[in-house]
Protein backbone atom coordinates (compact mmCIF):
# COMPACT_ATOMS: atom_id res chain seq x y z
CA MET A 1 9.53 2.85 23.91
CA ILE A 2 8.55 0.07 22.02
CA ASN A 3 7.47 1.58 18.92
CA LEU A 4 5.17 1.13 16.23
CA VAL A 5 7.68 0.15 13.39
CA ASN A 6 11.47 0.19 14.30
CA LEU A 7 13.38 0.55 10.65
CA LYS A 8 16.08 0.43 13.27
CA ARG A 9 16.59 -2.80 14.21
CA GLN A 10 15.33 -3.74 10.49
CA LEU A 11 18.30 -1.99 8.45
CA GLN A 12 20.67 -3.05 11.18
CA SER A 13 19.94 -6.51 10.43
CA VAL A 14 21.07 -6.06 6.84
CA LYS A 15 23.40 -2.94 7.38
CA GLU A 16 26.70 -4.64 6.04
CA GLU A 17 25.33 -6.01 2.90
CA ILE A 18 23.83 -2.33 2.59
CA LEU A 19 26.65 -0.99 3.04
CA GLN A 20 27.92 -3.26 0.46
CA GLY A 21 25.02 -1.94 -2.21
CA ILE A 22 26.29 1.28 -1.37
CA LYS A 23 29.78 1.42 -2.78
CA ASP A 24 29.50 -0.58 -5.61
CA VAL A 25 27.16 2.04 -6.81
CA ILE A 26 29.76 4.55 -5.07
CA ASP A 27 32.38 2.66 -7.26
CA ASN A 28 30.33 2.00 -11.02
CA GLY A 29 29.39 5.28 -11.32
CA ASP A 30 26.14 5.14 -12.45
CA TYR A 31 23.34 6.96 -9.94
CA ILE A 32 20.77 7.20 -11.66
CA LEU A 33 18.01 4.45 -13.50
CA GLY A 34 20.95 2.25 -13.52
CA PRO A 35 22.44 -1.16 -13.47
CA LYS A 36 20.84 -1.37 -10.05
CA VAL A 37 17.43 -0.27 -11.06
CA LYS A 38 17.50 -2.76 -14.10
CA GLU A 39 18.26 -5.48 -12.06
CA LEU A 40 15.80 -4.48 -9.55
CA GLU A 41 13.04 -3.94 -11.91
CA GLU A 42 13.59 -7.35 -13.60
CA LYS A 43 13.80 -9.51 -10.24
CA ILE A 44 10.60 -8.22 -9.27
CA ALA A 45 8.33 -8.88 -12.65
CA ARG A 46 9.70 -12.45 -11.92
CA LYS A 47 8.84 -12.52 -8.74
CA LEU A 48 5.32 -11.54 -8.71
CA GLY A 49 5.47 -13.16 -12.46
CA VAL A 50 4.81 -10.30 -14.60
CA ARG A 51 6.56 -8.83 -17.86
CA GLU A 52 7.67 -5.29 -17.02
CA ALA A 53 8.55 -3.97 -13.30
CA ILE A 54 9.18 0.36 -13.97
CA ALA A 55 10.85 1.61 -11.23
CA VAL A 56 9.65 5.00 -9.83
CA ALA A 57 10.58 8.36 -7.46
CA ASN A 58 7.58 7.39 -5.13
CA GLY A 59 4.18 4.98 -4.73
CA THR A 60 2.38 7.91 -5.16
CA ASP A 61 3.64 8.89 -8.90
CA ALA A 62 3.14 5.38 -9.03
CA LEU A 63 -0.66 5.75 -9.27
CA ILE A 64 -0.12 9.11 -11.34
CA LEU A 65 2.05 7.96 -13.72
CA THR A 66 -0.24 4.46 -14.85
CA LEU A 67 -3.45 6.64 -14.66
CA ASP A 68 -1.59 9.69 -17.39
CA ALA A 69 -0.39 6.46 -19.56
CA TYR A 70 -3.68 5.39 -19.53
CA GLY A 71 -5.02 8.27 -20.76
CA ILE A 72 -7.57 8.56 -17.89
CA GLY A 73 -7.71 12.64 -17.40
CA LYS A 74 -10.24 15.43 -16.83
CA GLY A 75 -14.09 14.81 -16.71
CA ASP A 76 -12.95 11.22 -16.15
CA GLU A 77 -14.47 9.26 -13.05
CA VAL A 78 -12.14 6.29 -11.09
CA ILE A 79 -14.07 4.61 -8.40
CA THR A 80 -11.73 3.81 -5.25
CA THR A 81 -12.26 3.67 -1.27
CA PRO A 82 -12.44 6.73 1.03
CA PHE A 83 -10.86 4.64 3.75
CA THR A 84 -7.44 4.75 2.06
CA PHE A 85 -4.07 7.30 3.03
CA PHE A 86 -4.79 10.56 0.87
CA ALA A 87 -2.37 9.79 -1.93
CA THR A 88 -4.51 7.03 -3.85
CA ALA A 89 -7.61 10.03 -4.22
CA GLU A 90 -4.66 12.80 -4.52
CA ALA A 91 -2.96 10.25 -7.59
CA ILE A 92 -6.42 10.94 -9.60
CA SER A 93 -7.61 13.96 -8.65
CA ARG A 94 -3.43 15.36 -10.07
CA VAL A 95 -4.12 13.68 -13.61
CA GLY A 96 -7.70 15.73 -13.57
CA ALA A 97 -9.91 12.98 -13.19
CA ILE A 98 -12.58 12.68 -10.45
CA PRO A 99 -12.22 10.27 -7.29
CA VAL A 100 -15.64 8.50 -6.66
CA PHE A 101 -15.69 6.10 -3.33
CA ALA A 102 -17.67 3.91 -2.63
CA ASP A 103 -17.88 2.30 0.84
CA VAL A 104 -15.82 -0.60 1.92
CA ASP A 105 -16.85 -4.56 3.17
CA PRO A 106 -16.57 -4.29 7.30
CA LEU A 107 -14.01 -7.34 7.06
CA THR A 108 -11.92 -6.85 5.21
CA PHE A 109 -11.82 -2.72 5.01
CA ASN A 110 -11.20 -3.11 1.34
CA LEU A 111 -13.53 -1.54 -1.62
CA ASN A 112 -17.21 -3.83 -1.14
CA PRO A 113 -18.01 -4.91 -4.70
CA LEU A 114 -21.53 -4.74 -4.03
CA GLU A 115 -21.22 -1.28 -3.93
CA ILE A 116 -19.47 -0.18 -7.07
CA GLU A 117 -21.36 -1.62 -9.47
CA LYS A 118 -24.19 1.75 -8.28
CA ARG A 119 -21.27 4.52 -8.37
CA ILE A 120 -20.32 2.94 -12.42
CA THR A 121 -21.60 5.72 -15.17
CA SER A 122 -20.83 6.55 -18.45
CA SER A 123 -17.75 8.72 -17.47
CA THR A 124 -15.78 5.33 -15.49
CA LYS A 125 -12.71 4.29 -16.87
CA ALA A 126 -11.54 2.45 -14.11
CA ILE A 127 -11.19 0.90 -9.90
CA ILE A 128 -8.85 1.48 -7.38
CA PRO A 129 -8.29 -1.16 -4.97
CA VAL A 130 -6.24 -0.85 -2.20
CA HIS A 131 -5.30 -3.87 -0.78
CA LEU A 132 -5.21 -2.01 2.41
CA PHE A 133 -2.81 -2.46 5.94
CA GLY A 134 -1.64 -5.78 3.57
CA LEU A 135 -4.85 -8.12 2.82
CA PRO A 136 -5.69 -8.07 -0.87
CA SER A 137 -8.96 -7.25 -2.05
CA GLU A 138 -11.15 -8.83 -3.74
CA MET A 139 -9.96 -9.16 -6.54
CA ASP A 140 -12.30 -11.99 -8.82
CA GLU A 141 -15.16 -9.81 -8.15
CA LEU A 142 -13.81 -6.53 -8.57
CA ASN A 143 -12.24 -7.95 -12.44
CA GLU A 144 -15.39 -9.09 -12.77
CA ILE A 145 -16.88 -5.98 -12.44
CA ALA A 146 -14.55 -4.51 -14.79
CA LYS A 147 -14.89 -6.48 -17.42
CA LYS A 148 -18.34 -6.59 -17.93
CA HIS A 149 -18.32 -2.68 -18.14
CA GLY A 150 -14.86 -2.74 -20.00
CA LEU A 151 -12.76 -0.53 -17.13
CA LEU A 152 -10.09 -0.60 -15.93
CA VAL A 153 -8.19 -2.32 -12.58
CA ILE A 154 -5.30 -0.68 -11.34
CA GLU A 155 -3.92 -2.09 -8.34
CA ASP A 156 -3.48 0.11 -5.17
CA ALA A 157 -0.88 -2.36 -3.21
CA CYS A 158 1.51 0.17 -1.89
CA GLN A 159 0.78 -1.89 1.55
CA ALA A 160 1.07 -5.20 0.33
CA PHE A 161 4.66 -6.22 -0.89
CA GLY A 162 4.51 -9.81 -0.37
CA ALA A 163 0.58 -10.95 -0.41
CA THR A 164 -0.95 -13.39 -2.45
CA TYR A 165 -4.65 -14.23 -3.55
CA LYS A 166 -5.66 -17.38 -4.82
CA ASP A 167 -1.67 -18.21 -5.02
CA ARG A 168 -1.08 -15.33 -6.95
CA TRP A 169 0.53 -12.16 -5.77
CA VAL A 170 -0.27 -8.76 -4.99
CA GLY A 171 0.52 -6.94 -8.17
CA SER A 172 -0.47 -8.86 -10.58
CA LEU A 173 -3.93 -9.44 -10.15
CA GLY A 174 -5.44 -6.19 -12.71
CA ASP A 175 -3.94 -4.33 -15.78
CA ALA A 176 -1.30 -3.03 -13.51
CA ALA A 177 -0.58 -2.21 -9.40
CA CYS A 178 1.75 0.38 -7.81
CA PHE A 179 4.12 0.01 -5.06
CA SER A 180 5.31 2.15 -2.58
CA PHE A 181 8.98 1.91 -0.85
CA PHE A 182 8.70 4.27 1.40
CA PRO A 183 10.63 3.61 4.67
CA THR A 184 7.55 2.00 6.55
CA LYS A 185 6.58 -0.20 4.25
CA ASN A 186 7.31 -4.04 4.40
CA LEU A 187 9.21 -3.59 1.53
CA GLY A 188 11.18 -0.33 1.66
CA THR A 189 14.46 2.05 1.33
CA ILE A 190 15.81 5.00 3.50
CA GLY A 191 13.35 7.11 1.62
CA ASP A 192 10.87 7.17 -1.15
CA GLY A 193 10.79 5.05 -4.05
CA GLY A 194 7.50 3.15 -5.99
CA VAL A 195 7.57 0.71 -8.90
CA ILE A 196 4.71 -0.04 -11.39
CA THR A 197 3.69 -3.32 -12.30
CA THR A 198 1.80 -4.79 -15.44
CA SER A 199 2.15 -7.36 -18.81
CA ASN A 200 1.22 -4.45 -20.79
CA ILE A 201 4.49 -4.49 -22.63
CA LYS A 202 2.96 -0.64 -24.37
CA LEU A 203 1.92 0.67 -20.97
CA ALA A 204 5.06 0.01 -19.50
CA ASP A 205 7.20 1.81 -22.63
CA LYS A 206 4.67 4.85 -22.15
CA ILE A 207 5.49 5.31 -18.54
CA ARG A 208 8.87 5.07 -18.79
CA LYS A 209 8.56 7.46 -21.53
CA LEU A 210 6.25 9.26 -18.61
CA ARG A 211 8.84 8.95 -16.01
CA THR A 212 11.80 11.11 -17.34
CA HIS A 213 9.95 14.25 -19.08
CA GLY A 214 8.18 12.33 -21.49
CA SER A 215 11.42 11.51 -23.63
CA THR A 216 12.98 8.03 -25.16
CA LYS A 217 16.46 10.04 -26.18
CA LYS A 218 18.21 12.86 -24.67
CA TYR A 219 17.10 15.82 -25.30
CA TYR A 220 14.24 14.93 -27.43
CA HIS A 221 10.34 14.69 -26.24
CA ASP A 222 7.17 13.50 -27.12
CA ARG A 223 5.09 14.67 -24.61
CA ILE A 224 4.69 16.46 -21.54
CA GLY A 225 6.31 14.48 -18.69
CA TYR A 226 7.75 13.62 -15.38
CA ASN A 227 10.17 13.47 -13.42
CA SER A 228 10.12 10.47 -11.80
CA ARG A 229 13.25 7.80 -11.46
CA LEU A 230 14.37 5.84 -9.40
CA ASP A 231 17.79 6.24 -7.79
CA GLU A 232 20.40 3.64 -7.63
CA ILE A 233 21.05 3.88 -3.98
CA HIS A 234 17.59 3.09 -3.21
CA ALA A 235 17.99 -0.11 -5.62
CA ALA A 236 20.79 -1.35 -4.18
CA ILE A 237 19.33 -0.91 -0.65
CA LEU A 238 15.83 -2.66 -1.98
CA LEU A 239 17.35 -5.70 -4.04
CA VAL A 240 18.84 -6.48 -0.26
CA ASN A 241 15.65 -6.31 1.51
CA LEU A 242 14.06 -7.83 -1.70
CA THR A 243 16.01 -10.89 -0.84
CA LYS A 244 14.24 -10.35 3.14
CA ILE A 245 10.89 -9.49 2.40
CA ASP A 246 9.50 -12.83 2.48
CA HIS A 247 11.41 -13.99 5.68
CA TRP A 248 9.88 -10.56 6.70
CA ASN A 249 6.40 -11.25 5.90
CA GLU A 250 6.56 -14.39 7.65
CA GLU A 251 7.85 -12.74 10.82
CA ARG A 252 5.06 -10.31 10.94
CA ARG A 253 1.93 -13.14 10.20
CA LYS A 254 3.67 -15.37 13.55
CA ILE A 255 3.67 -11.95 15.48
CA ALA A 256 -0.38 -11.52 13.75
CA GLY A 257 -0.70 -15.34 15.31
CA ARG A 258 0.76 -14.68 18.39
CA TYR A 259 -1.52 -11.41 18.84
CA ARG A 260 -4.83 -13.24 18.17
CA GLN A 261 -4.12 -16.38 20.30
CA TYR A 262 -3.82 -14.33 22.74
CA LEU A 263 -6.12 -11.48 22.18
CA LYS A 264 -9.36 -13.56 20.62
CA GLU A 265 -11.34 -14.52 23.37
CA ILE A 266 -11.09 -10.12 24.51
CA SER A 267 -14.90 -8.74 23.86
CA HIS A 268 -13.63 -5.07 23.81
CA ILE A 269 -11.93 -5.57 20.88
CA LYS A 270 -12.34 -7.06 17.32
CA LEU A 271 -8.76 -8.01 15.39
CA PRO A 272 -8.70 -8.62 11.96
CA ASN A 273 -9.24 -11.20 9.63
CA GLU A 274 -7.28 -13.93 7.92
CA LEU A 275 -9.05 -15.46 4.98
CA SER A 276 -8.54 -18.64 4.27
CA ASP A 277 -7.78 -17.71 0.03
CA ARG A 278 -5.36 -15.08 0.51
CA THR A 279 -2.35 -13.94 2.54
CA HIS A 280 -2.29 -10.57 4.66
CA ILE A 281 1.17 -9.61 5.91
CA TYR A 282 0.17 -7.50 8.23
CA HIS A 283 1.95 -4.17 7.08
CA LEU A 284 -0.17 -2.85 9.88
CA TYR A 285 -2.03 -4.85 12.34
CA CYS A 286 -4.83 -2.81 13.20
CA ILE A 287 -7.79 -3.38 15.96
CA GLU A 288 -11.38 -2.32 16.33
CA SER A 289 -12.59 -1.25 19.70
CA ASP A 290 -15.27 1.46 20.80
CA TYR A 291 -12.83 1.99 23.76
CA ARG A 292 -9.92 2.99 21.11
CA LYS A 293 -8.87 6.20 23.20
CA GLU A 294 -8.76 4.12 26.31
CA ILE A 295 -6.42 1.83 24.86
CA ILE A 296 -4.17 4.20 23.23
CA GLY A 297 -4.07 6.57 26.79
CA ALA A 298 -2.80 2.70 28.12
CA LEU A 299 -0.36 2.12 26.02
CA TYR A 300 0.73 5.16 25.58
CA LYS A 301 1.69 5.59 29.84
CA GLU A 302 3.40 3.11 29.36
CA LYS A 303 5.76 4.43 26.18
CA ILE A 304 4.10 2.40 23.72
CA GLN A 305 3.67 3.72 19.87
CA THR A 306 -0.05 3.11 18.53
CA GLY A 307 -1.75 5.04 15.63
CA ILE A 308 -4.75 6.05 13.77
CA TYR A 309 -5.31 4.92 10.81
CA TYR A 310 -7.13 7.32 8.92
CA PRO A 311 -8.59 9.26 11.30
CA ARG A 312 -10.50 11.28 8.78
CA CYS A 313 -11.99 9.90 5.77
CA LEU A 314 -11.48 11.10 2.18
CA HIS A 315 -14.78 11.69 1.00
CA LEU A 316 -15.53 14.08 4.46
CA GLN A 317 -11.24 15.41 3.45
CA LYS A 318 -11.75 19.43 3.48
CA VAL A 319 -10.04 19.60 -0.31
CA TYR A 320 -12.83 17.26 -2.06
CA SER A 321 -15.55 19.92 -0.16
CA SER A 322 -17.27 20.82 -3.67
CA PHE A 323 -17.94 17.04 -4.49
CA ASN A 324 -20.66 17.63 -1.72
CA TYR A 325 -20.25 14.22 0.57
CA LYS A 326 -21.41 14.20 3.86
CA GLU A 327 -21.40 12.63 7.02
CA GLY A 328 -23.20 9.00 6.95
CA ASP A 329 -22.41 8.15 2.98
CA PHE A 330 -20.26 5.50 3.85
CA PRO A 331 -20.75 4.36 6.89
CA ILE A 332 -18.54 1.55 7.49
CA ALA A 333 -15.41 3.30 6.43
CA GLU A 334 -16.86 6.01 9.25
CA SER A 335 -17.17 4.00 11.10
CA LEU A 336 -13.36 2.50 11.41
CA SER A 337 -11.99 6.08 11.09
CA GLU A 338 -13.75 6.64 14.85
CA ARG A 339 -12.49 2.54 16.10
CA LEU A 340 -9.64 1.72 14.27
CA PHE A 341 -6.03 1.81 15.63
CA ALA A 342 -2.92 0.17 15.33
CA ILE A 343 -0.73 -1.34 17.44
CA PRO A 344 3.37 -2.38 17.31
CA MET A 345 3.45 -4.54 14.22
CA HIS A 346 7.35 -5.30 12.85
CA PRO A 347 9.42 -8.61 12.16
CA PHE A 348 12.07 -7.80 14.93
CA LEU A 349 9.24 -7.32 17.53
CA THR A 350 10.25 -9.36 20.52
CA GLU A 351 8.11 -10.96 22.44
CA SER A 352 8.46 -9.68 25.77
CA GLU A 353 7.09 -6.74 23.83
CA GLN A 354 4.59 -7.89 22.73
CA ASP A 355 3.78 -9.83 25.95
CA LYS A 356 3.71 -6.39 27.31
CA ILE A 357 1.26 -4.69 25.21
CA ILE A 358 -1.13 -7.80 25.08
CA GLU A 359 -1.45 -7.17 28.58
CA ILE A 360 -2.66 -3.27 28.77
CA ILE A 361 -4.59 -4.24 25.81
CA LYS A 362 -6.73 -6.99 28.05
CA GLU A 363 -6.78 -4.61 31.07
CA THR A 364 -8.12 -1.67 29.35
CA GLY A 365 -11.42 -0.61 28.01
CA GLY A 366 -14.74 -3.30 28.39
CA ALA A 367 -12.38 -5.69 30.34
C-alpha cells in the first residue's frame, strides 16, 4: 500500500525525541497549559514574526475563539471560500454569524479578490481566506480590500504552517491567523491541537481568557468561555516536530518538483501552480483531470491511496440549504469539486513509490 499520507514513517523518524519529550512531561507533573505549551507558544510566535501565539485544543476552536474574541456574532457576515474543509464556515456559524461565500481563483484555488467586493454589505465584519493545500492566498489584495471597507482579515492557515508570501510567514499576514495541529497536517501532533497567532496583545488576552472558561483567575469568570486548552504531551510532540518542519516542507517541495518534472507534459491532467512570490508547502498535492474517476480507479487497483478534496462545496451542503445557494453560483469551486483529486504526498515518499504513481497516471485517462 502506498499511503496518501504516511504518519507512521514520519513519527518513527522522531520517535526517540518524542518519547523523551513525553517522559519530561510525566516527570514534571504539569499536564495542561504547562511549561511545554508556553515554550511552544513562544517559539511559534518568534518563528512567524508575531507578538503572540495562543495554543488551543484544535484548529476549529482556533477559528471560533478568534471570531468570538473579535465580537463577531449574530447578524454579522464573514466572507470566505466555498471550497475548503467545512470547519471554516462551521466556525462562522458556531458564533452565530453568517458565512458569505465568494468564488475561488482557478490557478490558486484560493479566494478570488475580484469576487469579494461584490459580497460586502453593511453587515460584513471580516474576511477569512484559506491558504488551501499549503499555497498562500492573495494577501496584499485581500488586506487592501479589508482596509478600504474596515474589515478584519483572519487567516485560515490550518493547511499551511511554514508557507511564505513575499518573504513573510503565513500566520503573520492578517489581523490574526489560525492553525491546526491535526496529525495529517504538515506540523501535527498525535491527536488534536491548534494555535492562534497575532500581534494584537488585547486580542491575545481575550483569547487566553476564552480558552479557559472565560477566566483569568481560577473559579472567577468574567464571561462565558470555552474549554479549549492544549495538553502538555501534545506540546512536547509539537516542539520536536517544530524543529523538523522546514526540512519536511522542503522534502514535500522536492517531491512536488519531481511530480512536475515527469507529469508536466501529460495533456489529460493539470498540475498545481507554483507562483514566484510565495512558497507552496504541499499539504496536499492535488491534480485536476476530466479523467479523475479513471485515474483514481487505476491507482486503487495498485493499492495507491488518493483523496477527493472536496467532493461537495460548502454552499451546496445540506446544512446551508436555507441560504438558497444553487449549483452554478460558484462555477470555479464547483468545477474543482468535480475534477480535483490528491495523490500521495508526504516527506517520506520514496522515489520508487513516486515512480509507480507517475507511471500509472501517464498510462491512464486521455493518454
